């Protein structure tokens, strides 16, 4: 995972359907698994497919 995510204000970072993809060259992409358009123009501020991500488990 990169130290800083692109477009930190994007709703995608708080969505359960978003996966962060890092290329071999270090480019970072936000992949949406809930929409037909897999790589949405960023930043996203409203999305009909938004589903809140579950918080991480405190006891690993």
Foldseek 3Di string as FASTA:
>chain_A
DDPDDPQVVALLVQAQQWDWDADPVGDIFIAGNQDPPGGDPDRHDDDPRGDGHDDDDPPD
